[in-house]
Protein backbone atom coordinates (compact mmCIF):
# COMPACT_ATOMS: atom_id res chain seq x y z
CA MET A 1 -20.91 -9.65 -203.21
CA THR A 2 -17.96 -7.54 -202.57
CA GLU A 3 -15.97 -4.85 -204.96
CA PHE A 4 -13.44 -7.16 -205.17
CA GLU A 5 -15.26 -10.47 -206.20
CA SER A 6 -17.25 -8.24 -208.78
CA SER A 7 -13.96 -7.14 -210.37
CA LEU A 8 -13.02 -10.75 -210.57
CA ARG A 9 -15.96 -11.19 -212.98
CA LYS A 10 -14.61 -9.21 -215.46
CA LYS A 11 -11.11 -10.78 -215.59
CA THR A 12 -9.99 -13.31 -217.97
CA ASP A 13 -9.27 -17.24 -216.62
CA GLU A 14 -5.53 -16.11 -217.53
CA GLU A 15 -5.70 -12.79 -215.34
CA LEU A 16 -7.53 -15.13 -212.58
CA MET A 17 -4.42 -17.87 -212.80
CA GLU A 18 -1.93 -14.91 -212.41
CA TYR A 19 -3.29 -14.46 -208.94
CA VAL A 20 -2.66 -18.41 -208.12
CA GLY A 21 0.66 -17.93 -209.77
CA ASN A 22 1.62 -15.17 -207.22
CA PHE A 23 0.17 -17.01 -204.32
CA GLU A 24 2.34 -15.28 -201.43
CA ARG A 25 1.39 -12.00 -202.51
CA TYR A 26 -2.11 -11.85 -201.89
CA ALA A 27 -4.30 -12.16 -198.71
CA PRO A 28 -6.06 -15.42 -198.15
CA TRP A 29 -9.78 -13.92 -198.49
CA ALA A 30 -8.50 -12.56 -201.97
CA LEU A 31 -7.51 -15.99 -202.94
CA SER A 32 -10.16 -17.88 -201.78
CA ALA A 33 -12.49 -15.45 -203.73
CA VAL A 34 -10.41 -16.06 -207.11
CA VAL A 35 -10.49 -19.80 -206.34
CA ASN A 36 -14.27 -19.94 -206.18
CA GLU A 37 -14.34 -17.68 -209.22
CA LEU A 38 -12.25 -20.43 -210.98
CA LYS A 39 -14.61 -23.02 -209.54
CA GLU A 40 -17.79 -21.48 -210.68
CA ARG A 41 -16.53 -21.05 -214.33
CA GLY A 42 -15.63 -24.69 -214.50
CA THR A 43 -11.87 -23.88 -215.55
CA ALA A 44 -9.34 -26.79 -216.30
CA LEU A 45 -8.71 -27.14 -212.58
CA SER A 46 -9.16 -30.71 -211.25
CA ASP A 47 -10.78 -31.31 -207.84
CA GLU A 48 -7.38 -32.51 -206.61
CA GLU A 49 -5.78 -28.96 -207.74
CA LEU A 50 -8.66 -26.82 -206.11
CA ASN A 51 -8.38 -28.65 -203.02
CA SER A 52 -4.82 -28.44 -202.73
CA LEU A 53 -5.38 -24.50 -203.32
CA TYR A 54 -7.75 -24.21 -200.69
CA GLU A 55 -5.54 -26.01 -198.26
CA LYS A 56 -2.57 -23.78 -199.11
CA ILE A 57 -5.14 -20.69 -198.59
CA GLU A 58 -6.09 -22.16 -194.60
CA LYS A 59 -2.46 -22.83 -194.03
CA LYS A 60 -1.98 -19.05 -194.89
CA LYS A 61 -4.87 -18.01 -192.82
CA GLU A 62 -3.03 -19.93 -189.81
CA ILE A 63 0.44 -18.30 -190.46
CA ASN A 64 -1.40 -14.61 -190.73
CA GLU A 65 -3.31 -15.49 -187.52
CA GLU A 66 -0.03 -16.56 -185.76
CA GLU A 67 1.74 -13.34 -186.50
CA THR A 68 -1.41 -11.21 -185.95
CA LEU A 69 -0.74 -9.84 -182.22
CA ASN A 70 -3.57 -8.72 -179.89
CA ILE A 71 -3.58 -5.32 -177.84
CA PHE A 72 -1.28 -7.06 -175.13
CA GLY A 73 1.45 -8.09 -177.95
CA TYR A 74 0.65 -11.79 -177.97
CA PRO A 75 -0.34 -13.80 -181.14
CA LYS A 76 -3.93 -14.27 -181.47
CA SER A 77 -3.53 -17.53 -182.36
CA TRP A 78 -2.24 -18.23 -178.54
CA LYS A 79 -5.61 -18.46 -177.44
CA LYS A 80 -6.57 -20.78 -180.10
CA TYR A 81 -5.90 -24.19 -178.70
CA VAL A 82 -6.88 -23.55 -174.97
CA VAL A 83 -9.85 -25.63 -174.51
CA THR A 84 -12.12 -26.47 -171.18
CA ASP A 85 -12.48 -30.22 -172.28
CA PRO A 86 -11.72 -32.20 -169.05
CA ASP A 87 -9.60 -34.84 -170.71
CA ALA A 88 -7.28 -32.30 -172.09
CA PRO A 89 -4.01 -31.92 -170.53
CA LEU A 90 -3.52 -29.04 -168.04
CA LEU A 91 -0.49 -27.04 -168.88
CA TYR A 92 0.98 -23.38 -168.13
CA SER A 93 -0.23 -21.46 -171.20
CA LYS A 94 2.01 -19.83 -173.88
CA ILE A 95 0.87 -16.44 -172.51
CA ALA A 96 2.01 -17.54 -168.84
CA ILE A 97 5.50 -18.48 -170.22
CA SER A 98 5.97 -15.42 -172.35
CA SER A 99 5.12 -12.97 -169.55
CA PHE A 100 6.91 -15.02 -167.01
CA SER A 101 10.24 -14.42 -168.99
CA LEU A 102 9.36 -10.96 -169.68
CA PHE A 103 8.66 -9.69 -166.46
CA PHE A 104 11.14 -11.86 -164.47
CA SER A 105 13.60 -13.72 -166.70
CA ALA A 106 13.62 -15.95 -169.31
CA ILE A 107 14.55 -18.82 -166.94
CA PHE A 108 11.41 -18.64 -165.09
CA GLY A 109 9.33 -19.02 -168.41
CA ALA A 110 11.48 -21.93 -169.19
CA ILE A 111 10.75 -23.45 -166.03
CA LEU A 112 6.98 -23.14 -166.50
CA LEU A 113 7.70 -24.73 -170.05
CA ALA A 114 9.62 -27.58 -168.55
CA LEU A 115 6.96 -28.19 -166.56
CA ASN A 116 4.82 -29.08 -169.33
CA ILE A 117 6.95 -31.37 -170.84
CA GLY A 118 6.94 -35.02 -170.24
CA ASN A 119 10.46 -36.12 -171.51
CA LYS A 120 13.40 -35.10 -169.02
CA THR A 121 15.93 -34.67 -171.74
CA ASN A 122 13.63 -31.97 -173.14
CA LYS A 123 13.05 -30.48 -169.77
CA ILE A 124 16.66 -29.74 -169.41
CA LYS A 125 16.79 -28.50 -172.73
CA ALA A 126 14.00 -25.85 -172.10
CA VAL A 127 15.70 -24.95 -169.19
CA VAL A 128 19.28 -24.57 -170.62
CA ILE A 129 17.96 -22.18 -173.21
CA GLY A 130 16.01 -20.36 -170.53
CA ILE A 131 19.47 -19.83 -168.61
CA LEU A 132 21.30 -18.89 -171.81
CA PHE A 133 18.96 -16.22 -172.38
CA THR A 134 18.88 -15.37 -168.42
CA ILE A 135 22.73 -15.03 -168.65
CA PHE A 136 23.10 -13.07 -171.93
CA ALA A 137 20.47 -10.34 -170.30
CA ILE A 138 22.54 -10.08 -167.30
CA LEU A 139 25.71 -9.44 -169.24
CA ILE A 140 23.99 -6.73 -170.96
CA GLY A 141 22.62 -5.44 -167.91
CA ASN A 142 26.34 -5.21 -166.82
CA LEU A 143 27.85 -3.80 -169.73
CA VAL A 144 25.46 -1.18 -171.43
CA PRO A 145 24.45 1.75 -169.30
CA ASN A 146 20.75 2.38 -169.01
CA SER A 147 20.17 -1.26 -170.38
CA SER A 148 16.69 -1.85 -168.90
CA ILE A 149 15.11 -1.64 -172.14
CA TYR A 150 17.62 -4.16 -173.68
CA THR A 151 16.99 -6.45 -170.97
CA LEU A 152 13.45 -6.59 -171.29
CA VAL A 153 14.10 -6.88 -175.15
CA ILE A 154 16.11 -10.08 -174.48
CA ASN A 155 13.66 -11.43 -172.19
CA GLY A 156 10.61 -11.08 -174.62
CA ILE A 157 12.45 -12.55 -177.27
CA GLY A 158 13.54 -15.52 -174.77
CA GLY A 159 9.91 -15.64 -173.66
CA TYR A 160 8.54 -15.66 -177.60
CA LEU A 161 10.73 -18.43 -178.42
CA LEU A 162 10.05 -20.53 -175.40
CA ALA A 163 6.34 -20.14 -176.15
CA THR A 164 6.64 -20.88 -180.01
CA GLU A 165 9.50 -22.54 -181.14
CA PHE A 166 10.50 -24.67 -178.33
CA TRP A 167 6.66 -25.40 -177.57
CA ASN A 168 6.15 -26.69 -180.87
CA LYS A 169 9.21 -28.82 -180.78
CA TYR A 170 8.63 -30.26 -177.42
CA ILE A 171 4.82 -30.38 -176.98
CA GLY A 172 3.25 -30.08 -180.36
CA ARG A 173 1.91 -27.00 -182.27
CA GLU A 174 -1.88 -27.94 -182.27
CA ILE A 175 -2.18 -29.77 -178.80
CA LYS A 176 -5.29 -28.57 -177.15
CA TYR A 177 -4.85 -27.90 -173.59
CA ARG A 178 -6.37 -26.41 -170.32
CA THR A 179 -4.63 -23.53 -168.84
CA LYS A 180 -3.09 -24.38 -165.39
CA PRO A 181 -3.27 -21.80 -162.55
CA ILE A 182 -0.20 -19.58 -162.21
CA TRP A 183 -0.62 -18.25 -158.39
CA ILE A 184 1.88 -20.47 -156.85
CA PRO A 185 4.38 -19.84 -160.00
CA LEU A 186 3.88 -16.06 -159.85
CA LEU A 187 4.14 -15.86 -155.89
CA ILE A 188 7.76 -18.08 -156.05
CA SER A 189 8.82 -15.66 -158.41
CA ILE A 190 8.16 -12.44 -156.47
CA ILE A 191 9.76 -14.02 -153.34
CA ILE A 192 12.89 -14.43 -155.51
CA THR A 193 12.82 -11.32 -157.61
CA VAL A 194 12.09 -8.79 -155.31
CA PRO A 195 15.08 -9.21 -152.67
CA LEU A 196 17.22 -9.36 -155.89
CA LEU A 197 15.86 -6.10 -157.00
CA ILE A 198 16.08 -4.37 -154.07
CA ALA A 199 19.59 -5.64 -153.25
CA THR A 200 20.36 -3.99 -156.57
CA ILE A 201 18.78 -0.70 -156.27
CA TYR A 202 20.78 -0.29 -153.04
CA GLU A 203 23.71 -1.40 -154.49
C-alpha cells in the first residue's frame, strides 16, 4: 500500500468526496485510489456511479497519455493503435505524417494523410490544409529574417494537427492499423526538396 492510500484511510467520507468533486485537479492514479477506498467503505455510491467514475478515470488516463511526449517529441499514444494484425488497414503512421511535415513541409505530410483517407472529398480537404500551412511557412520565410526556426515551428504545428485533429476526423481516433513503409515517399520528398534547397542557397 502506498503512502497516499494509507492517508486516505484516515480521511472522512466527506473529505474523500471532495476529491471526486474536484475531479480535474487530481491525477488518475490518485482518483482510482480514492474511488477504491470509497468502494471498500461501502459508501452511498451506486454501482452505476462507481462505474461512471471509473470510466472518467480511464478517459483522463487516455488524455494524459496523449499529452505525454516521448523523447522524440511525439505523444506516446501515437503508437498505441499500431498493430501487426494482417487484417488491419495499412496506413502511413501519425509519426510519418508529422515528421514529413516538419522536415519537408506540411504539404508532404498532408499527402501521406490523404493517401490514408478513402473519401475523395476528405482527401482534397487534407491536401488543402497542407497547402495552406506550406504557403504560410513560405510567406514567413520571405518576410522574416532568420526565419528557419519559425518555418520549422509552423511545419511542426501543421504536422501535429494533421496527425491528430484531421486524422481523428477523417480516419478515426481509435482505428487500429499497420504501418505502411515510407521509403518511396521519403525518396520522392528528397528528390523534390533537395534541388529547391540548393537553388535557395545559391540564390
